[in-house]
C-alpha cells in the first residue's frame, strides 16, 4: 500500500485533506524564468539568494498569510523546474504564513519561437527535456515525489505538464509520457497548462493511452473552453470519463473595465459553470488565479497579467463578482473546497 495514500504532500510534509480548507489550484509564488546576469533563461536551479528571499518575505509572505482570513489554507505552486523556488524557500514561506504549499515537479511547454524569452530555438524548452529520455524524465519526477527535491526533505506533491497547441511538439509528447509514468508510480495528480482549445483532447488522450486514471488529471487554463457551448460540450464528454477542468486567470481590473469584462467574458463563464453543474459534473471543476511573482518580463516582480492583490484577489474580487452573476454558494464551495480536497490526496 502507498504510504502516502489519502494524504496531501505539502512542503511541510503529509497532511489530511481537510486541513486544506479552500484551495487555489494553480498559482506561482516564484516563476523565475530569466537570468538578467546572463541575459538567458534559467537552466539550473540554485538555493534562494538573500536578495530574492527578502523580496519574497516582503512581497509574497503577507498575502500568503492573508489567505487564511478567507478560509483558504493551501495553494498549488504550479511552477515546474527550473523556474520554481528552491524547496526550503517555499517551506519557510509556508511555515511563516500558515498556508500549505504543494510544490510541483514536471516540465513546462515548448514556447513559440519569438515569444516571451524564446529568442532562440534552444530557449524554447528546458534543455534537459530535449536531452533526457522518457524514462529519465519519469525517474526525475518520481524521485522528487518519493524522496525529495535537491537533497531536501521537501517533496513534490503534483506533476505539472504543459503543451502549446492541440498538436504536441516532440519534446512536449515526451514530457507528457514521462509525467504519466511518474503519476502511475506515485499516485499524485497531474495539472496541465492548456490554453488552446483542442489541446485538452490531445493531452487527455495521451495520458489515457499511458494508463493514467483521468480522475487524477486537471486540465488548466480552461475558462475559454467553458464559455463556448460547443467546447463546453467537449469538456463535458471528458468529464464523463473522469477528467477535471480548471478555469484560471479570473481577474477583475479597474472599474472602467468592469462592465466590458462582465459582458464579454465572465458572465459567459459563469453560465458555462452552470451548464457543467446542471449536467451533473460540478464535481469536476476547480479554480485557480495563476497569480504570483515571476520574471516573464525579465525583471522578477508581480506578474503583469495579474490584477492585485496576489492570490487574495480570488476572495476580494473574483468570487464576490461571480456570486453577483449567479454563482451559488454550493457551486463555489464545490470548486474551491470540496473538489480540491478530493483531487489533491495521493491515491
Protein backbone atom coordinates (compact mmCIF):
# COMPACT_ATOMS: atom_id res chain seq x y z
CA UNK A 1 0.00 0.00 0.00
CA UNK A 2 1.22 3.50 -0.85
CA UNK A 3 2.49 5.08 2.40
CA UNK A 4 1.12 8.46 1.26
CA UNK A 5 -2.35 7.23 0.29
CA UNK A 6 -5.12 9.58 1.39
CA UNK A 7 -2.71 12.34 2.42
CA UNK A 8 -1.62 15.53 0.66
CA UNK A 9 2.11 16.05 0.10
CA UNK A 10 2.96 19.63 1.09
CA UNK A 11 6.32 21.34 1.55
CA UNK A 12 5.89 20.81 5.31
CA UNK A 13 5.03 17.14 4.96
CA UNK A 14 1.92 14.98 4.76
CA UNK A 15 -1.41 16.43 5.89
CA UNK A 16 -5.04 15.40 5.91
CA UNK A 17 -7.07 16.88 3.03
CA UNK A 18 -9.50 18.55 5.45
CA UNK A 19 -6.63 20.73 6.69
CA UNK A 20 -6.50 22.43 3.29
CA UNK A 21 -9.70 24.42 3.70
CA UNK A 22 -10.27 26.32 0.47
CA UNK A 23 -7.60 25.76 -2.19
CA UNK A 24 -6.23 27.76 -5.10
CA UNK A 25 -5.26 25.06 -7.58
CA UNK A 26 -2.83 26.89 -9.90
CA UNK A 27 -0.56 29.67 -8.58
CA UNK A 28 3.02 30.92 -8.87
CA UNK A 29 4.82 32.03 -5.75
CA UNK A 30 8.06 32.00 -7.76
CA UNK A 31 8.24 31.57 -11.54
CA UNK A 32 11.74 32.80 -12.26
CA UNK A 33 12.35 32.29 -15.96
CA UNK A 34 15.03 34.79 -16.90
CA UNK A 35 18.53 35.43 -15.52
CA UNK A 36 19.41 39.10 -16.09
CA UNK A 37 23.06 38.43 -15.28
CA UNK A 38 23.48 36.16 -18.31
CA UNK A 39 20.58 37.54 -20.42
CA UNK A 40 19.43 33.95 -20.85
CA UNK A 41 16.64 31.74 -19.49
CA UNK A 42 17.49 29.95 -16.26
CA UNK A 43 18.62 26.34 -16.75
CA UNK A 44 19.93 25.34 -13.32
CA UNK A 45 18.12 25.57 -10.00
CA UNK A 46 20.05 27.14 -7.16
CA UNK A 47 19.36 27.91 -3.47
CA UNK A 48 17.47 31.15 -2.95
CA UNK A 49 19.77 34.16 -2.79
CA UNK A 50 19.40 36.61 0.14
CA UNK A 51 18.01 39.41 -2.03
CA UNK A 52 15.34 37.15 -3.52
CA UNK A 53 14.46 35.74 -0.09
CA UNK A 54 14.00 39.29 1.23
CA UNK A 55 11.78 40.11 -1.76
CA UNK A 56 9.55 37.08 -1.21
CA UNK A 57 9.28 37.72 2.52
CA UNK A 58 8.35 41.33 1.86
CA UNK A 59 6.05 40.94 -1.17
CA UNK A 60 4.65 37.39 -1.04
CA UNK A 61 4.51 36.42 2.63
CA UNK A 62 1.87 39.00 3.72
CA UNK A 63 -0.58 37.82 1.05
CA UNK A 64 0.06 34.13 1.73
CA UNK A 65 -0.71 34.89 5.38
CA UNK A 66 -3.82 36.89 4.48
CA UNK A 67 -5.30 33.91 2.59
CA UNK A 68 -6.06 32.24 5.90
CA UNK A 69 -8.53 35.03 6.72
CA UNK A 70 -10.69 33.75 3.85
CA UNK A 71 -10.52 30.12 4.98
CA UNK A 72 -8.01 29.35 2.23
CA UNK A 73 -5.20 27.34 3.77
CA UNK A 74 -3.48 25.95 0.68
CA UNK A 75 -2.36 26.63 -2.86
CA UNK A 76 -0.76 24.56 -5.58
CA UNK A 77 2.53 26.15 -6.63
CA UNK A 78 2.40 25.25 -10.33
CA UNK A 79 5.90 26.42 -11.32
CA UNK A 80 7.91 23.41 -12.56
CA UNK A 81 11.71 23.20 -12.64
CA UNK A 82 13.84 25.15 -13.33
CA UNK A 83 11.56 28.17 -12.69
CA UNK A 84 10.24 27.17 -9.25
CA UNK A 85 11.50 28.35 -5.88
CA UNK A 86 14.17 26.42 -4.02
CA UNK A 87 12.21 23.96 -1.86
CA UNK A 88 13.35 25.27 1.51
CA UNK A 89 12.26 28.78 0.48
CA UNK A 90 8.73 27.53 -0.07
CA UNK A 91 8.95 25.62 3.18
CA UNK A 92 9.89 28.81 5.05
CA UNK A 93 7.08 30.78 3.42
CA UNK A 94 4.61 28.04 4.34
CA UNK A 95 5.79 27.83 7.93
CA UNK A 96 5.68 31.59 8.44
CA UNK A 97 2.34 32.15 6.69
CA UNK A 98 0.48 29.08 7.90
CA UNK A 99 -0.61 28.40 4.30
CA UNK A 100 0.13 24.95 2.94
CA UNK A 101 2.06 24.94 -0.34
CA UNK A 102 2.09 22.00 -2.75
CA UNK A 103 5.24 22.14 -4.88
CA UNK A 104 5.41 20.92 -8.47
CA UNK A 105 7.71 18.66 -10.35
CA UNK A 106 7.34 18.23 -14.09
CA UNK A 107 8.03 20.23 -17.23
CA UNK A 108 6.81 23.39 -18.94
CA UNK A 109 5.77 23.68 -22.57
CA UNK A 110 7.79 24.44 -25.68
CA UNK A 111 7.30 28.19 -26.05
CA UNK A 112 6.74 29.51 -29.57
CA UNK A 113 9.93 30.96 -31.09
CA UNK A 114 9.96 34.72 -30.66
CA UNK A 115 7.51 34.72 -27.74
CA UNK A 116 8.43 35.61 -24.15
CA UNK A 117 12.01 34.50 -23.50
CA UNK A 118 12.25 32.09 -26.50
CA UNK A 119 14.51 34.26 -28.66
CA UNK A 120 16.45 31.20 -29.83
CA UNK A 121 15.35 27.59 -30.50
CA UNK A 122 17.43 26.34 -27.58
CA UNK A 123 15.47 28.63 -25.24
CA UNK A 124 12.03 27.26 -26.18
CA UNK A 125 12.01 24.50 -23.57
CA UNK A 126 14.22 23.45 -20.67
CA UNK A 127 17.19 21.81 -22.45
CA UNK A 128 17.07 18.86 -20.06
CA UNK A 129 13.74 17.83 -21.57
CA UNK A 130 15.33 17.55 -25.03
CA UNK A 131 18.41 15.69 -23.76
CA UNK A 132 16.78 13.14 -21.48
CA UNK A 133 14.81 10.03 -22.42
CA UNK A 134 11.21 9.46 -21.37
CA UNK A 135 12.47 7.05 -18.72
CA UNK A 136 14.98 9.56 -17.35
CA UNK A 137 12.35 12.29 -17.18
CA UNK A 138 9.92 9.95 -15.44
CA UNK A 139 12.58 8.94 -12.91
CA UNK A 140 13.35 12.61 -12.26
CA UNK A 141 9.75 13.35 -11.32
CA UNK A 142 9.29 10.14 -9.36
CA UNK A 143 12.37 10.79 -7.22
CA UNK A 144 11.23 14.32 -6.42
CA UNK A 145 7.87 13.00 -5.24
CA UNK A 146 9.04 9.97 -3.30
CA UNK A 147 12.43 11.14 -1.97
CA UNK A 148 12.64 14.93 -2.04
CA UNK A 149 13.91 17.81 -4.15
CA UNK A 150 17.63 18.63 -4.32
CA UNK A 151 18.51 16.53 -1.29
CA UNK A 152 15.99 18.24 0.99
CA UNK A 153 13.06 16.67 2.81
CA UNK A 154 10.66 18.74 0.68
CA UNK A 155 8.74 16.50 -1.70
CA UNK A 156 6.77 17.47 -4.78
CA UNK A 157 3.02 16.87 -4.45
CA UNK A 158 1.86 17.46 -8.03
CA UNK A 159 3.14 16.90 -11.57
CA UNK A 160 2.91 19.94 -13.86
CA UNK A 161 2.79 19.28 -17.61
CA UNK A 162 2.23 21.74 -20.46
CA UNK A 163 1.63 21.88 -24.20
CA UNK A 164 1.44 24.82 -26.55
CA UNK A 165 -1.17 23.70 -29.06
CA UNK A 166 -3.57 20.85 -29.92
CA UNK A 167 -0.70 19.04 -31.66
CA UNK A 168 2.16 18.49 -29.22
CA UNK A 169 5.76 19.00 -30.17
CA UNK A 170 8.12 16.04 -29.88
CA UNK A 171 9.53 17.40 -26.60
CA UNK A 172 6.06 18.01 -25.13
CA UNK A 173 4.94 14.50 -26.11
CA UNK A 174 7.98 13.08 -24.33
CA UNK A 175 7.32 15.17 -21.23
CA UNK A 176 3.67 14.08 -21.06
CA UNK A 177 4.60 10.40 -21.35
CA UNK A 178 7.18 10.83 -18.60
CA UNK A 179 4.72 12.66 -16.37
CA UNK A 180 2.13 9.95 -16.90
CA UNK A 181 4.58 7.25 -15.83
CA UNK A 182 5.58 9.25 -12.76
CA UNK A 183 1.92 9.65 -11.87
CA UNK A 184 1.35 5.92 -12.06
CA UNK A 185 4.40 5.33 -9.86
CA UNK A 186 3.44 7.85 -7.17
CA UNK A 187 -0.31 8.50 -7.15
CA UNK A 188 -0.13 12.31 -7.13
CA UNK A 189 -2.32 14.20 -9.57
CA UNK A 190 -1.31 15.88 -12.83
CA UNK A 191 -2.13 19.52 -13.54
CA UNK A 192 -1.70 20.90 -17.05
CA UNK A 193 -1.21 24.10 -18.98
CA UNK A 194 -3.87 24.05 -21.70
CA UNK A 195 -4.69 27.47 -23.12
CA UNK A 196 -5.61 26.31 -26.65
CA UNK A 197 -8.95 24.73 -27.42
CA UNK A 198 -8.32 21.24 -28.75
CA UNK A 199 -5.22 20.75 -26.60
CA UNK A 200 -7.40 19.29 -23.84
CA UNK A 201 -8.18 16.27 -26.04
CA UNK A 202 -4.61 15.63 -27.18
CA UNK A 203 -3.39 15.86 -23.59
CA UNK A 204 -6.08 13.58 -22.18
CA UNK A 205 -5.81 11.03 -24.99
CA UNK A 206 -2.06 10.68 -24.46
CA UNK A 207 -2.38 10.39 -20.70
CA UNK A 208 -5.16 7.82 -21.08
CA UNK A 209 -3.04 5.77 -23.51
CA UNK A 210 -0.27 5.79 -20.90
CA UNK A 211 -2.71 4.36 -18.36
CA UNK A 212 -3.48 7.41 -16.22
CA UNK A 213 -6.86 7.49 -14.49
CA UNK A 214 -8.33 10.75 -15.82
CA UNK A 215 -9.79 11.46 -12.39
CA UNK A 216 -6.17 12.26 -11.48
CA UNK A 217 -5.84 14.96 -14.15
CA UNK A 218 -6.75 18.66 -14.01
CA UNK A 219 -6.83 20.49 -17.36
CA UNK A 220 -5.72 24.02 -16.62
CA UNK A 221 -6.49 27.45 -18.10
CA UNK A 222 -9.78 26.14 -19.46
CA UNK A 223 -12.03 29.19 -18.99
CA UNK A 224 -12.03 29.71 -22.76
CA UNK A 225 -13.34 26.19 -23.18
CA UNK A 226 -16.27 26.59 -20.81
CA UNK A 227 -17.58 29.90 -22.13
CA UNK A 228 -18.29 28.37 -25.54
CA UNK A 229 -21.20 25.92 -25.75
CA UNK A 230 -19.51 23.67 -28.34
CA UNK A 231 -16.24 23.43 -26.44
CA UNK A 232 -18.05 23.12 -23.12
CA UNK A 233 -19.80 20.06 -24.54
CA UNK A 234 -16.42 18.58 -25.48
CA UNK A 235 -15.18 19.20 -21.94
CA UNK A 236 -18.31 17.54 -20.57
CA UNK A 237 -17.57 14.45 -22.64
CA UNK A 238 -14.16 14.27 -21.00
CA UNK A 239 -15.66 14.92 -17.57
CA UNK A 240 -17.88 11.90 -18.08
CA UNK A 241 -14.64 9.91 -18.40
CA UNK A 242 -13.27 11.42 -15.19
CA UNK A 243 -11.19 14.45 -16.23
CA UNK A 244 -11.24 17.66 -14.18
CA UNK A 245 -11.14 21.18 -15.62
CA UNK A 246 -9.86 24.43 -14.12
CA UNK A 247 -10.71 27.96 -15.23
CA UNK A 248 -7.88 30.35 -14.31
CA UNK A 249 -6.82 33.99 -14.72
CA UNK A 250 -10.12 35.11 -13.22
CA UNK A 251 -9.19 38.74 -12.73
CA UNK A 252 -11.29 41.86 -12.28
CA UNK A 253 -9.39 45.00 -13.13
CA UNK A 254 -10.29 48.68 -12.71
CA UNK A 255 -13.94 49.77 -12.58
CA UNK A 256 -13.82 51.29 -16.08
CA UNK A 257 -13.11 47.83 -17.50
CA UNK A 258 -15.55 46.00 -15.24
CA UNK A 259 -18.67 46.14 -17.44
CA UNK A 260 -16.75 45.11 -20.54
CA UNK A 261 -15.24 42.08 -18.78
CA UNK A 262 -18.58 41.11 -17.26
CA UNK A 263 -20.41 41.25 -20.57
CA UNK A 264 -17.88 39.59 -22.86
CA UNK A 265 -16.16 37.07 -20.65
CA UNK A 266 -17.09 36.49 -17.03
CA UNK A 267 -20.85 36.16 -17.32
CA UNK A 268 -20.45 33.57 -20.13
CA UNK A 269 -18.02 31.68 -17.91
CA UNK A 270 -20.47 31.62 -15.01
CA UNK A 271 -23.11 30.42 -17.48
CA UNK A 272 -20.72 27.67 -18.58
CA UNK A 273 -20.15 26.63 -14.97
CA UNK A 274 -23.93 26.39 -14.57
CA UNK A 275 -24.07 24.09 -17.64
CA UNK A 276 -21.48 21.79 -16.09
CA UNK A 277 -23.33 21.61 -12.76
CA UNK A 278 -26.69 21.15 -14.49
CA UNK A 279 -25.18 18.20 -16.40
CA UNK A 280 -24.19 16.58 -13.11
CA UNK A 281 -20.42 17.16 -13.37
CA UNK A 282 -19.83 20.02 -10.98
CA UNK A 283 -17.51 17.69 -9.08
CA UNK A 284 -15.05 18.05 -12.00
CA UNK A 285 -14.37 21.79 -11.64
CA UNK A 286 -11.71 23.59 -9.61
CA UNK A 287 -10.42 27.18 -9.69
CA UNK A 288 -7.08 28.96 -9.88
CA UNK A 289 -5.88 32.51 -10.43
CA UNK A 290 -2.44 31.91 -11.98
CA UNK A 291 -1.30 34.74 -9.73
CA UNK A 292 2.05 35.44 -8.18
CA UNK A 293 5.59 36.56 -8.91
CA UNK A 294 7.93 35.83 -11.81
CA UNK A 295 10.27 37.13 -14.47
CA UNK A 296 8.43 36.59 -17.76
CA UNK A 297 9.24 40.24 -18.48
CA UNK A 298 12.87 39.74 -17.36
CA UNK A 299 12.51 41.59 -14.02
CA UNK A 300 11.25 39.45 -11.14
CA UNK A 301 8.04 41.11 -9.95
CA UNK A 302 4.29 40.69 -9.54
CA UNK A 303 3.25 39.02 -12.79
CA UNK A 304 1.99 41.70 -15.14
CA UNK A 305 -1.06 39.83 -16.43
CA UNK A 306 -2.46 39.65 -12.88
CA UNK A 307 -4.72 42.04 -11.01
CA UNK A 308 -3.87 42.71 -7.36
CA UNK A 309 -3.85 41.61 -4.66
CA UNK A 310 -1.85 38.40 -5.19
CA UNK A 311 -3.93 35.25 -4.55
CA UNK A 312 -6.41 37.04 -2.28
CA UNK A 313 -7.96 38.57 -5.43
CA UNK A 314 -9.97 35.34 -5.71
CA UNK A 315 -11.79 36.21 -2.48
CA UNK A 316 -11.81 40.02 -2.62
CA UNK A 317 -12.84 40.35 -6.28
CA UNK A 318 -13.46 37.18 -8.29
CA UNK A 319 -15.86 35.15 -6.20
CA UNK A 320 -17.93 38.13 -4.98
CA UNK A 321 -18.41 39.20 -8.60
CA UNK A 322 -19.20 35.65 -9.70
CA UNK A 323 -21.82 35.40 -6.98
CA UNK A 324 -23.38 38.63 -8.27
CA UNK A 325 -23.56 36.95 -11.69
CA UNK A 326 -25.43 33.95 -10.32
CA UNK A 327 -22.82 31.54 -8.98
CA UNK A 328 -24.35 29.77 -6.00
CA UNK A 329 -22.72 29.21 -2.62
CA UNK A 330 -22.87 25.44 -3.17
CA UNK A 331 -21.16 25.72 -6.56
CA UNK A 332 -18.45 27.94 -5.11
CA UNK A 333 -17.88 25.57 -2.19
CA UNK A 334 -17.59 22.58 -4.53
CA UNK A 335 -15.00 24.24 -6.77
CA UNK A 336 -12.89 25.92 -4.10
CA UNK A 337 -13.06 23.39 -1.24
CA UNK A 338 -14.72 20.00 -1.84
CA UNK A 339 -13.23 19.12 -5.24
CA UNK A 340 -9.64 20.14 -4.42
CA UNK A 341 -9.76 18.13 -1.19
CA UNK A 342 -10.72 15.10 -3.28
CA UNK A 343 -8.12 15.59 -6.03
CA UNK A 344 -5.02 16.58 -4.05
CA UNK A 345 -4.59 13.49 -1.82
CA UNK A 346 -2.36 10.71 -3.12
CA UNK A 347 -4.28 7.72 -4.46
